[in-house]
C-alpha atoms as a PDB file:
ATOM      1  CA  MET A   1      67.544 -23.814  12.680  1.00  0.00           C
ATOM      2  CA  LYS A   2      65.309 -20.790  11.778  1.00  0.00           C
ATOM      3  CA  ILE A   3      62.255 -23.210  10.882  1.00  0.00           C
ATOM      4  CA  LEU A   4      62.777 -24.646  14.384  1.00  0.00           C
ATOM      5  CA  LYS A   5      62.579 -21.172  16.053  1.00  0.00           C
ATOM      6  CA  THR A   6      59.489 -19.991  13.892  1.00  0.00           C
ATOM      7  CA  SER A   7      57.629 -23.282  14.477  1.00  0.00           C
ATOM      8  CA  LEU A   8      58.717 -23.624  18.017  1.00  0.00           C
ATOM      9  CA  LEU A   9      57.971 -19.961  19.241  1.00  0.00           C
ATOM     10  CA  PRO A  10      54.064 -20.206  18.436  1.00  0.00           C
ATOM     11  CA  VAL A  11      53.992 -23.498  20.336  1.00  0.00           C
ATOM     12  CA  VAL A  12      55.710 -21.984  23.273  1.00  0.00           C
ATOM     13  CA  LEU A  13      53.347 -19.047  23.522  1.00  0.00           C
ATOM     14  CA  LEU A  14      50.585 -21.392  23.405  1.00  0.00           C
ATOM     15  CA  PHE A  15      51.285 -23.188  26.243  1.00  0.00           C
ATOM     16  CA  ILE A  16      52.032 -20.204  28.065  1.00  0.00           C
ATOM     17  CA  GLY A  17      48.668 -18.646  27.244  1.00  0.00           C
ATOM     18  CA  ALA A  18      46.943 -22.157  28.364  1.00  0.00           C
ATOM     19  CA  GLY A  19      48.777 -22.020  31.427  1.00  0.00           C
ATOM     20  CA  SER A  20      47.873 -18.608  32.455  1.00  0.00           C
ATOM     21  CA  ALA A  21      44.558 -19.284  31.610  1.00  0.00           C
ATOM     22  CA  PHE A  22      44.404 -21.943  33.725  1.00  0.00           C
ATOM     23  CA  ALA A  23      45.862 -20.087  36.775  1.00  0.00           C
ATOM     24  CA  THR A  24      43.250 -17.564  36.476  1.00  0.00           C
ATOM     25  CA  ASN A  25      40.517 -19.998  36.468  1.00  0.00           C
ATOM     26  CA  LEU A  26      42.109 -21.682  39.693  1.00  0.00           C
ATOM     27  CA  ALA A  27      42.340 -18.009  41.410  1.00  0.00           C
ATOM     28  CA  LYS A  28      38.650 -17.286  40.718  1.00  0.00           C
ATOM     29  CA  GLU A  29      37.705 -20.617  42.251  1.00  0.00           C
ATOM     30  CA  GLY A  30      39.881 -20.109  45.246  1.00  0.00           C
ATOM     31  CA  LYS A  31      37.679 -16.805  45.932  1.00  0.00           C
ATOM     32  CA  LYS A  32      34.401 -19.193  46.488  1.00  0.00           C
ATOM     33  CA  ALA A  33      35.912 -20.505  49.666  1.00  0.00           C
ATOM     34  CA  LEU A  34      33.366 -21.225  52.426  1.00  0.00           C
ATOM     35  CA  VAL A  35      33.030 -18.791  55.294  1.00  0.00           C
ATOM     36  CA  GLU A  36      31.882 -19.050  58.912  1.00  0.00           C
ATOM     37  CA  GLY A  37      28.113 -17.353  58.698  1.00  0.00           C
ATOM     38  CA  TYR A  38      26.598 -15.112  61.637  1.00  0.00           C
ATOM     39  CA  VAL A  39      23.480 -13.610  62.480  1.00  0.00           C
ATOM     40  CA  ILE A  40      22.662 -10.175  64.110  1.00  0.00           C
ATOM     41  CA  ARG A  41      20.861 -10.305  67.294  1.00  0.00           C
ATOM     42  CA  ASP A  42      20.658  -6.970  68.681  1.00  0.00           C
ATOM     43  CA  ASP A  43      19.268  -8.285  71.750  1.00  0.00           C
ATOM     44  CA  GLN A  44      22.334 -10.296  72.913  1.00  0.00           C
ATOM     45  CA  PRO A  45      25.502  -8.741  74.613  1.00  0.00           C
ATOM     46  CA  GLN A  46      27.387  -9.724  71.497  1.00  0.00           C
ATOM     47  CA  PRO A  47      24.777  -8.956  68.495  1.00  0.00           C
ATOM     48  CA  CYS A  48      27.154 -10.973  66.052  1.00  0.00           C
ATOM     49  CA  GLN A  49      26.140 -14.746  66.807  1.00  0.00           C
ATOM     50  CA  ASP A  50      27.423 -17.875  65.086  1.00  0.00           C
ATOM     51  CA  ALA A  51      24.909 -19.294  62.507  1.00  0.00           C
ATOM     52  CA  ASN A  52      26.491 -23.019  62.161  1.00  0.00           C
ATOM     53  CA  ILE A  53      26.232 -22.381  58.956  1.00  0.00           C
ATOM     54  CA  GLU A  54      29.125 -21.767  55.908  1.00  0.00           C
ATOM     55  CA  CYS A  55      28.539 -19.813  53.050  1.00  0.00           C
ATOM     56  CA  GLN A  56      30.322 -17.809  50.153  1.00  0.00           C
ATOM     57  CA  GLU A  57      31.716 -14.351  49.807  1.00  0.00           C
ATOM     58  CA  THR A  58      30.346 -14.052  46.283  1.00  0.00           C
ATOM     59  CA  GLY A  59      26.909 -14.897  44.575  1.00  0.00           C
ATOM     60  CA  SER A  60      23.930 -14.085  43.568  1.00  0.00           C
ATOM     61  CA  VAL A  61      21.498 -15.757  46.351  1.00  0.00           C
ATOM     62  CA  ILE A  62      22.045 -14.416  50.000  1.00  0.00           C
ATOM     63  CA  CYS A  63      22.732 -16.997  52.208  1.00  0.00           C
ATOM     64  CA  THR A  64      19.749 -17.552  54.774  1.00  0.00           C
ATOM     65  CA  VAL A  65      19.151 -19.751  58.088  1.00  0.00           C
ATOM     66  CA  ASN A  66      16.290 -20.370  60.118  1.00  0.00           C
ATOM     67  CA  LEU A  67      17.392 -20.534  63.692  1.00  0.00           C
ATOM     68  CA  GLY A  68      13.787 -20.192  65.325  1.00  0.00           C
ATOM     69  CA  MET A  69      13.198 -16.772  64.508  1.00  0.00           C
ATOM     70  CA  GLY A  70      12.361 -17.286  60.877  1.00  0.00           C
ATOM     71  CA  SER A  71      14.561 -16.769  58.029  1.00  0.00           C
ATOM     72  CA  GLU A  72      17.429 -14.475  58.746  1.00  0.00           C
ATOM     73  CA  PRO A  73      20.551 -13.280  56.486  1.00  0.00           C
ATOM     74  CA  VAL A  74      23.721 -14.530  56.907  1.00  0.00           C
ATOM     75  CA  PHE A  75      26.590 -12.349  57.452  1.00  0.00           C
ATOM     76  CA  GLU A  76      30.552 -12.418  57.523  1.00  0.00           C
ATOM     77  CA  LYS A  77      32.034 -11.748  61.113  1.00  0.00           C
ATOM     78  CA  ALA A  78      34.241  -8.557  60.761  1.00  0.00           C
ATOM     79  CA  GLY A  79      36.222  -8.062  64.043  1.00  0.00           C
ATOM     80  CA  THR A  80      33.614  -8.024  66.417  1.00  0.00           C
ATOM     81  CA  SER A  81      30.393  -7.094  64.398  1.00  0.00           C
ATOM     82  CA  CYS A  82      28.493  -8.869  61.201  1.00  0.00           C
ATOM     83  CA  GLY A  83      29.770  -7.396  58.164  1.00  0.00           C
ATOM     84  CA  ASN A  84      29.105  -8.250  54.516  1.00  0.00           C
ATOM     85  CA  ASN A  85      26.058 -10.614  53.315  1.00  0.00           C
ATOM     86  CA  LEU A  86      27.154 -14.170  52.659  1.00  0.00           C
ATOM     87  CA  TYR A  87      25.771 -15.985  49.563  1.00  0.00           C
ATOM     88  CA  PHE A  88      24.809 -19.488  48.369  1.00  0.00           C
ATOM     89  CA  ASN A  89      26.454 -20.906  45.013  1.00  0.00           C
END
């Protein structure tokens, strides 16, 4: 009985550790969800205009779009104004 406990405990701990690592990885992947992007147009009644593009909240390359005025950075909408930059992969 004692041999069963001593050999079973490490196996159970191994599965718990692997399950925790898998769950953490899924949580990180979930944060990369796509968010609707907006551009800032100060000359409009509502300066935060829909850019018809989806980008991510995290990344290394700023998400941009060309809507006829050259390349413009894309932002996340926060309330009625444009908030944080959005990113490509």
